[in-house]
């Protein structure tokens, strides 16, 4: 009896992915739960296990091929009497610790355990072939650029007092935080004041969310990955700091789960450590906005009393979907975010 292993829907709205590598060969005997194929979706690479015991009959695709949900990605000669629904669910048991769960993908396999395989064996070293990761990034940004009319607003926030306050807390209380969780908290506060931006585009309409699932753009060796911190609006700053650090570490070690990258409502990109003036980031669809923060530099600023002072100024950009927001909407949003950083930062530390 031949069992057809279908490419499953690994997340809400997911329709396609890539074959990164088959981990078995035709004619090879496999056991239940044995890793058999590495796939990539939404810039997350994972390994799927065999749902049954049997012999590999057919591997219908090649590394780099696009696959869609319900495509037959492996055919297995099933031993007589074996029955399976194609999935193992034991790992979903609530008794499993959170520390163990966060290392597993939606099929209970540790993400990143198996290295990605190049999709081309060409010996021409003047041609750089796209890895499956870069192909997925290319698909995402191309779709976004072709379907979303992007508009970018620009502002500068004076974070001099924020930095002084942060340094004061470090000296007096030993509290050492990066600025990223502060930026995330300020963004969440801004979303409370402009809730339409906390949404996804669905069939030409806005789907609003009460939870602020803020995506963090993470620069990894393989490309940008965007996991999101769930329910930022319900978490204190110290919890956010720990969760963001954990997400970044797991993103760079290829241990993200699919749930880490699903259901994001808006994205923040902090590229201050890299430098540069400002840019026009591409929206991570189906989200409708992305805010980016750049390197803060000392600048001479004219006060209301016409005095020249040196302040630490943070460049900010907000790129938003012009189908749902006009320029004035974007400017109001970025101005609110700027105000929250300049005047309300102490609230985030309490």
Protein backbone atom coordinates (compact mmCIF):
# COMPACT_ATOMS: atom_id res chain seq x y z
CA UNK A 1 0.00 0.00 0.00
CA UNK A 2 1.42 3.37 -1.04
CA UNK A 3 1.11 6.29 1.33
CA UNK A 4 1.17 9.82 -0.13
CA UNK A 5 2.74 12.33 2.24
CA UNK A 6 1.10 15.69 1.51
CA UNK A 7 2.76 19.04 2.20
CA UNK A 8 0.73 20.21 5.22
CA UNK A 9 -0.58 23.67 6.04
CA UNK A 10 2.02 24.66 8.61
CA UNK A 11 0.41 27.97 9.47
CA UNK A 12 -2.67 30.06 8.88
CA UNK A 13 -2.68 31.47 5.36
CA UNK A 14 0.38 29.50 4.26
CA UNK A 15 -0.02 28.13 0.75
CA UNK A 16 3.48 27.31 -0.51
CA UNK A 17 7.08 26.65 0.39
CA UNK A 18 10.31 25.18 -0.95
CA UNK A 19 11.97 21.81 -0.85
CA UNK A 20 15.34 22.49 0.75
CA UNK A 21 16.58 18.89 0.83
CA UNK A 22 15.39 15.32 1.00
CA UNK A 23 17.08 13.53 3.90
CA UNK A 24 16.36 10.06 2.49
CA UNK A 25 16.76 8.27 -0.84
CA UNK A 26 14.35 6.23 -2.95
CA UNK A 27 14.42 2.62 -1.78
CA UNK A 28 15.53 3.56 1.72
CA UNK A 29 13.61 2.11 4.66
CA UNK A 30 12.39 4.67 7.18
CA UNK A 31 10.81 4.43 10.59
CA UNK A 32 8.02 6.51 12.05
CA UNK A 33 9.15 10.00 13.16
CA UNK A 34 12.42 9.77 11.19
CA UNK A 35 13.32 13.15 9.62
CA UNK A 36 12.80 12.77 5.87
CA UNK A 37 12.50 16.19 4.23
CA UNK A 38 13.63 19.75 4.96
CA UNK A 39 11.24 22.47 3.80
CA UNK A 40 11.12 26.21 4.05
CA UNK A 41 8.17 28.55 4.47
CA UNK A 42 7.92 32.17 5.52
CA UNK A 43 11.70 32.28 5.82
CA UNK A 44 11.65 29.53 8.45
CA UNK A 45 13.36 26.23 7.69
CA UNK A 46 12.14 23.04 9.33
CA UNK A 47 12.33 19.28 8.99
CA UNK A 48 9.25 17.08 8.62
CA UNK A 49 9.21 13.55 10.05
CA UNK A 50 7.92 10.40 8.42
CA UNK A 51 4.35 9.73 9.56
CA UNK A 52 4.74 5.97 9.04
CA UNK A 53 7.21 3.15 8.74
CA UNK A 54 7.96 1.92 5.25
CA UNK A 55 10.17 2.21 2.17
CA UNK A 56 10.63 5.44 0.21
CA UNK A 57 8.99 4.84 -3.16
CA UNK A 58 9.26 8.25 -4.82
CA UNK A 59 10.76 11.70 -4.21
CA UNK A 60 8.90 13.77 -6.80
CA UNK A 61 10.70 17.10 -6.36
CA UNK A 62 14.21 18.52 -6.48
CA UNK A 63 15.85 20.89 -3.98
CA UNK A 64 14.66 24.42 -4.69
CA UNK A 65 11.31 23.36 -6.19
CA UNK A 66 8.22 25.27 -5.08
CA UNK A 67 5.59 23.15 -3.34
CA UNK A 68 2.02 23.99 -2.39
CA UNK A 69 -0.20 22.82 0.42
CA UNK A 70 -1.55 19.30 -0.29
CA UNK A 71 1.09 18.55 -2.94
CA UNK A 72 2.45 15.00 -2.66
CA UNK A 73 6.05 15.55 -1.58
CA UNK A 74 6.95 11.91 -0.78
CA UNK A 75 5.45 8.52 -1.61
CA UNK A 76 6.09 5.72 0.89
CA UNK A 77 5.43 2.01 0.47
CA UNK A 78 3.54 1.34 3.67
CA UNK A 79 3.92 -1.93 5.47
CA UNK A 80 0.75 -3.96 5.61
CA UNK A 81 -1.32 -3.20 8.68
CA UNK A 82 0.27 0.19 9.35
CA UNK A 83 -2.20 2.99 9.72
CA UNK A 84 -1.59 6.65 10.33
CA UNK A 85 -3.30 10.00 9.85
CA UNK A 86 0.04 11.44 8.80
CA UNK A 87 0.72 13.46 11.94
CA UNK A 88 2.19 12.90 15.37
CA UNK A 89 0.52 14.91 18.09
CA UNK A 90 2.14 13.71 21.31
CA UNK A 91 4.46 16.71 21.48
CA UNK A 92 1.43 18.98 21.81
CA UNK A 93 0.69 17.49 25.22
CA UNK A 94 0.30 20.29 27.72
CA UNK A 95 2.64 18.49 30.09
CA UNK A 96 5.60 19.31 27.85
CA UNK A 97 7.56 22.17 29.37
CA UNK A 98 7.65 25.54 27.65
CA UNK A 99 11.44 25.30 27.47
CA UNK A 100 11.07 22.13 25.42
CA UNK A 101 8.18 23.37 23.31
CA UNK A 102 9.87 26.52 22.09
CA UNK A 103 12.62 24.48 20.47
CA UNK A 104 10.16 22.51 18.39
CA UNK A 105 8.30 23.36 15.24
CA UNK A 106 4.67 22.51 14.57
CA UNK A 107 5.67 18.86 14.05
CA UNK A 108 7.88 18.52 17.11
CA UNK A 109 11.17 18.75 15.22
CA UNK A 110 13.97 21.00 16.43
CA UNK A 111 14.36 23.80 13.87
CA UNK A 112 17.76 24.23 12.34
CA UNK A 113 19.06 20.79 13.32
CA UNK A 114 19.82 19.95 9.71
CA UNK A 115 21.92 22.36 7.60
CA UNK A 116 20.37 23.81 4.47
CA UNK A 117 21.43 22.27 1.19
CA UNK A 118 22.47 24.41 -1.77
CA UNK A 119 19.97 24.35 -4.58
CA UNK A 120 22.53 24.38 -7.39
CA UNK A 121 25.77 22.47 -7.99
CA UNK A 122 27.19 24.77 -10.65
CA UNK A 123 30.97 25.12 -10.64
CA UNK A 124 30.84 28.64 -12.10
CA UNK A 125 32.03 30.72 -9.15
CA UNK A 126 31.10 33.96 -10.93
CA UNK A 127 27.42 33.12 -10.54
CA UNK A 128 25.88 33.37 -7.10
CA UNK A 129 22.78 31.20 -6.92
CA UNK A 130 19.96 32.05 -4.54
CA UNK A 131 19.65 29.76 -1.57
CA UNK A 132 16.16 28.58 -0.69
CA UNK A 133 16.15 31.19 2.08
CA UNK A 134 16.95 34.01 -0.35
CA UNK A 135 14.34 32.71 -2.77
CA UNK A 136 11.72 32.88 -0.04
CA UNK A 137 12.81 36.41 0.91
CA UNK A 138 12.69 37.36 -2.77
CA UNK A 139 9.14 36.00 -3.07
CA UNK A 140 7.94 37.86 0.01
CA UNK A 141 9.42 41.26 -0.84
CA UNK A 142 8.43 41.00 -4.50
CA UNK A 143 4.83 40.23 -3.59
CA UNK A 144 4.82 43.12 -1.12
CA UNK A 145 6.36 45.61 -3.55
CA UNK A 146 4.01 44.59 -6.38
CA UNK A 147 0.77 44.61 -4.39
CA UNK A 148 1.24 47.32 -1.73
CA UNK A 149 1.59 51.03 -2.58
CA UNK A 150 4.34 51.97 -0.13
CA UNK A 151 4.65 55.43 1.44
CA UNK A 152 7.41 56.34 3.90
CA UNK A 153 7.26 59.10 6.50
CA UNK A 154 10.37 60.39 8.28
CA UNK A 155 10.98 61.97 11.69
CA UNK A 156 13.68 62.46 14.31
CA UNK A 157 13.19 61.86 18.03
CA UNK A 158 15.28 63.50 20.72
CA UNK A 159 16.26 60.56 22.94
CA UNK A 160 18.84 62.43 25.02
CA UNK A 161 16.73 62.27 28.19
CA UNK A 162 15.78 58.66 27.55
CA UNK A 163 19.45 57.67 27.37
CA UNK A 164 20.26 59.63 30.53
CA UNK A 165 17.36 57.99 32.38
CA UNK A 166 18.42 54.54 31.17
CA UNK A 167 21.98 55.18 32.39
CA UNK A 168 20.65 56.42 35.74
CA UNK A 169 18.68 53.19 36.24
CA UNK A 170 21.76 51.16 35.37
CA UNK A 171 23.86 52.97 37.97
CA UNK A 172 21.25 53.09 40.75
CA UNK A 173 19.40 49.81 40.23
CA UNK A 174 21.74 47.73 38.11
CA UNK A 175 19.10 47.61 35.36
CA UNK A 176 20.80 47.00 32.03
CA UNK A 177 18.58 46.97 28.95
CA UNK A 178 19.05 47.59 25.27
CA UNK A 179 16.86 50.20 23.62
CA UNK A 180 14.95 47.68 21.50
CA UNK A 181 12.38 46.71 24.21
CA UNK A 182 11.86 50.42 24.94
CA UNK A 183 11.16 51.05 21.26
CA UNK A 184 8.80 48.07 21.18
CA UNK A 185 6.93 49.34 24.23
CA UNK A 186 6.65 52.82 22.72
CA UNK A 187 5.31 51.29 19.52
CA UNK A 188 2.69 49.35 21.48
CA UNK A 189 1.61 52.56 23.21
CA UNK A 190 1.33 54.22 19.79
CA UNK A 191 -0.83 51.36 18.50
CA UNK A 192 -3.26 51.99 21.36
CA UNK A 193 -3.62 55.54 20.08
CA UNK A 194 -3.77 54.51 16.39
CA UNK A 195 -5.36 51.03 16.44
CA UNK A 196 -5.94 50.80 12.68
CA UNK A 197 -2.22 50.25 12.20
CA UNK A 198 -2.36 47.07 14.31
CA UNK A 199 -3.91 45.04 11.52
CA UNK A 200 -3.51 42.74 8.54
CA UNK A 201 -4.84 43.18 5.03
CA UNK A 202 -7.36 40.46 4.18
CA UNK A 203 -9.15 40.50 0.81
CA UNK A 204 -8.91 44.26 0.48
CA UNK A 205 -10.06 44.99 4.04
CA UNK A 206 -8.35 45.58 7.37
CA UNK A 207 -8.50 42.85 10.01
CA UNK A 208 -7.94 44.55 13.37
CA UNK A 209 -6.28 42.81 16.33
CA UNK A 210 -6.47 43.53 20.03
CA UNK A 211 -3.10 41.86 20.73
CA UNK A 212 0.03 43.76 19.71
CA UNK A 213 2.13 40.98 18.16
CA UNK A 214 5.10 43.09 17.18
CA UNK A 215 7.57 41.60 14.71
CA UNK A 216 11.30 42.07 15.33
CA UNK A 217 13.40 42.14 12.16
CA UNK A 218 16.47 40.01 12.93
CA UNK A 219 19.60 40.12 10.80
CA UNK A 220 20.94 36.56 10.48
CA UNK A 221 23.70 34.99 8.39
CA UNK A 222 21.06 33.60 6.03
CA UNK A 223 18.90 36.73 5.72
CA UNK A 224 16.34 38.75 7.62
CA UNK A 225 13.88 36.79 9.77
CA UNK A 226 10.85 38.37 11.46
CA UNK A 227 9.60 36.55 14.57
CA UNK A 228 7.13 38.46 16.70
CA UNK A 229 6.65 39.10 20.38
CA UNK A 230 3.11 38.13 21.28
CA UNK A 231 0.81 40.47 23.26
CA UNK A 232 3.33 43.23 23.88
CA UNK A 233 0.53 45.41 25.26
CA UNK A 234 0.16 43.05 28.23
CA UNK A 235 3.84 42.64 29.21
CA UNK A 236 6.22 44.70 31.37
CA UNK A 237 9.51 45.95 29.99
CA UNK A 238 11.74 43.37 31.70
CA UNK A 239 9.65 40.48 30.34
CA UNK A 240 9.79 42.00 26.86
CA UNK A 241 13.55 42.37 27.09
CA UNK A 242 14.00 38.69 27.96
CA UNK A 243 11.59 37.53 25.26
CA UNK A 244 13.18 39.68 22.57
CA UNK A 245 16.65 38.40 23.48
CA UNK A 246 15.36 34.83 23.33
CA UNK A 247 13.71 35.38 19.93
CA UNK A 248 16.84 36.94 18.46
CA UNK A 249 19.05 34.13 19.78
CA UNK A 250 16.75 31.44 18.40
CA UNK A 251 16.42 33.23 15.06
CA UNK A 252 20.19 33.30 14.63
CA UNK A 253 20.59 29.67 15.72
CA UNK A 254 17.70 28.50 13.47
CA UNK A 255 15.54 27.36 16.36
CA UNK A 256 12.41 29.41 15.69
CA UNK A 257 9.06 27.66 15.62
CA UNK A 258 6.37 28.45 13.07
CA UNK A 259 4.28 30.07 15.78
CA UNK A 260 7.10 32.59 16.34
CA UNK A 261 6.60 34.02 12.86
CA UNK A 262 2.81 33.76 12.58
CA UNK A 263 0.12 36.32 13.44
CA UNK A 264 2.37 39.37 13.50
CA UNK A 265 0.48 42.66 13.41
CA UNK A 266 3.26 45.22 12.73
CA UNK A 267 7.06 45.09 12.42
CA UNK A 268 9.87 47.12 13.96
CA UNK A 269 13.41 47.15 12.59
CA UNK A 270 16.22 48.54 14.73
CA UNK A 271 19.30 48.91 12.54
CA UNK A 272 21.07 51.48 14.70
CA UNK A 273 24.00 49.15 15.37
CA UNK A 274 24.68 48.91 11.63
CA UNK A 275 24.38 52.65 11.00
CA UNK A 276 23.18 54.59 8.01
CA UNK A 277 20.84 57.56 7.72
CA UNK A 278 17.42 56.22 6.84
CA UNK A 279 15.78 53.86 4.35
CA UNK A 280 12.41 52.80 2.97
CA UNK A 281 11.75 49.29 4.34
CA UNK A 282 9.31 46.97 2.59
CA UNK A 283 6.17 45.98 4.49
CA UNK A 284 5.94 42.36 5.62
CA UNK A 285 2.55 41.53 4.14
CA UNK A 286 -0.21 40.96 5.17
CA UNK A 287 0.82 43.61 7.72
CA UNK A 288 0.20 47.22 6.73
CA UNK A 289 3.14 49.05 8.30
CA UNK A 290 6.76 48.76 9.38
CA UNK A 291 8.68 51.21 11.55
CA UNK A 292 12.46 51.44 11.43
CA UNK A 293 15.00 53.05 13.75
CA UNK A 294 18.51 54.07 12.77
CA UNK A 295 21.71 55.22 14.47
CA UNK A 296 21.22 58.07 16.93
CA UNK A 297 23.81 60.81 16.47
CA UNK A 298 24.65 64.03 18.26
CA UNK A 299 23.24 67.06 16.48
CA UNK A 300 23.05 70.77 17.11
CA UNK A 301 19.41 71.61 17.81
CA UNK A 302 17.74 75.01 18.15
CA UNK A 303 15.51 75.21 21.23
CA UNK A 304 12.29 77.20 21.54
CA UNK A 305 14.37 79.92 23.21
CA UNK A 306 16.67 80.04 20.16
CA UNK A 307 19.51 78.40 22.06
CA UNK A 308 21.89 76.01 20.35
CA UNK A 309 22.20 72.71 22.21
CA UNK A 310 23.69 69.32 21.42
CA UNK A 311 21.13 66.50 21.54
CA UNK A 312 21.09 62.80 20.61
CA UNK A 313 18.68 62.54 17.68
CA UNK A 314 17.18 59.23 16.52
CA UNK A 315 16.09 58.93 12.85
CA UNK A 316 12.77 57.09 12.40
CA UNK A 317 10.88 55.96 9.32
CA UNK A 318 7.35 54.62 9.04
CA UNK A 319 6.44 52.80 5.84
CA UNK A 320 2.72 52.17 5.47
CA UNK A 321 0.13 50.84 3.03
CA UNK A 322 -1.32 53.77 1.08
CA UNK A 323 -4.47 51.80 0.26
CA UNK A 324 -5.61 52.20 3.85
CA UNK A 325 -3.75 55.27 5.10
CA UNK A 326 -3.10 58.71 3.70
CA UNK A 327 0.09 60.66 4.27
CA UNK A 328 -1.52 62.58 7.13
CA UNK A 329 -2.35 59.30 8.91
CA UNK A 330 1.24 58.14 8.65
CA UNK A 331 2.58 61.48 9.91
CA UNK A 332 0.21 61.43 12.89
CA UNK A 333 1.36 57.92 13.75
CA UNK A 334 5.09 58.67 13.54
CA UNK A 335 4.66 61.92 15.46
CA UNK A 336 2.85 60.04 18.25
CA UNK A 337 5.63 57.47 18.36
CA UNK A 338 8.20 60.27 18.54
CA UNK A 339 6.30 61.93 21.40
CA UNK A 340 6.04 58.64 23.30
CA UNK A 341 9.80 58.15 23.08
CA UNK A 342 10.61 61.70 24.09
CA UNK A 343 8.07 62.26 26.87
CA UNK A 344 6.65 58.97 28.16
CA UNK A 345 9.67 56.67 28.41
CA UNK A 346 9.61 56.62 32.24
CA UNK A 347 6.21 54.90 32.13
CA UNK A 348 7.71 51.91 30.32
CA UNK A 349 10.23 51.25 33.10
CA UNK A 350 7.64 51.27 35.90
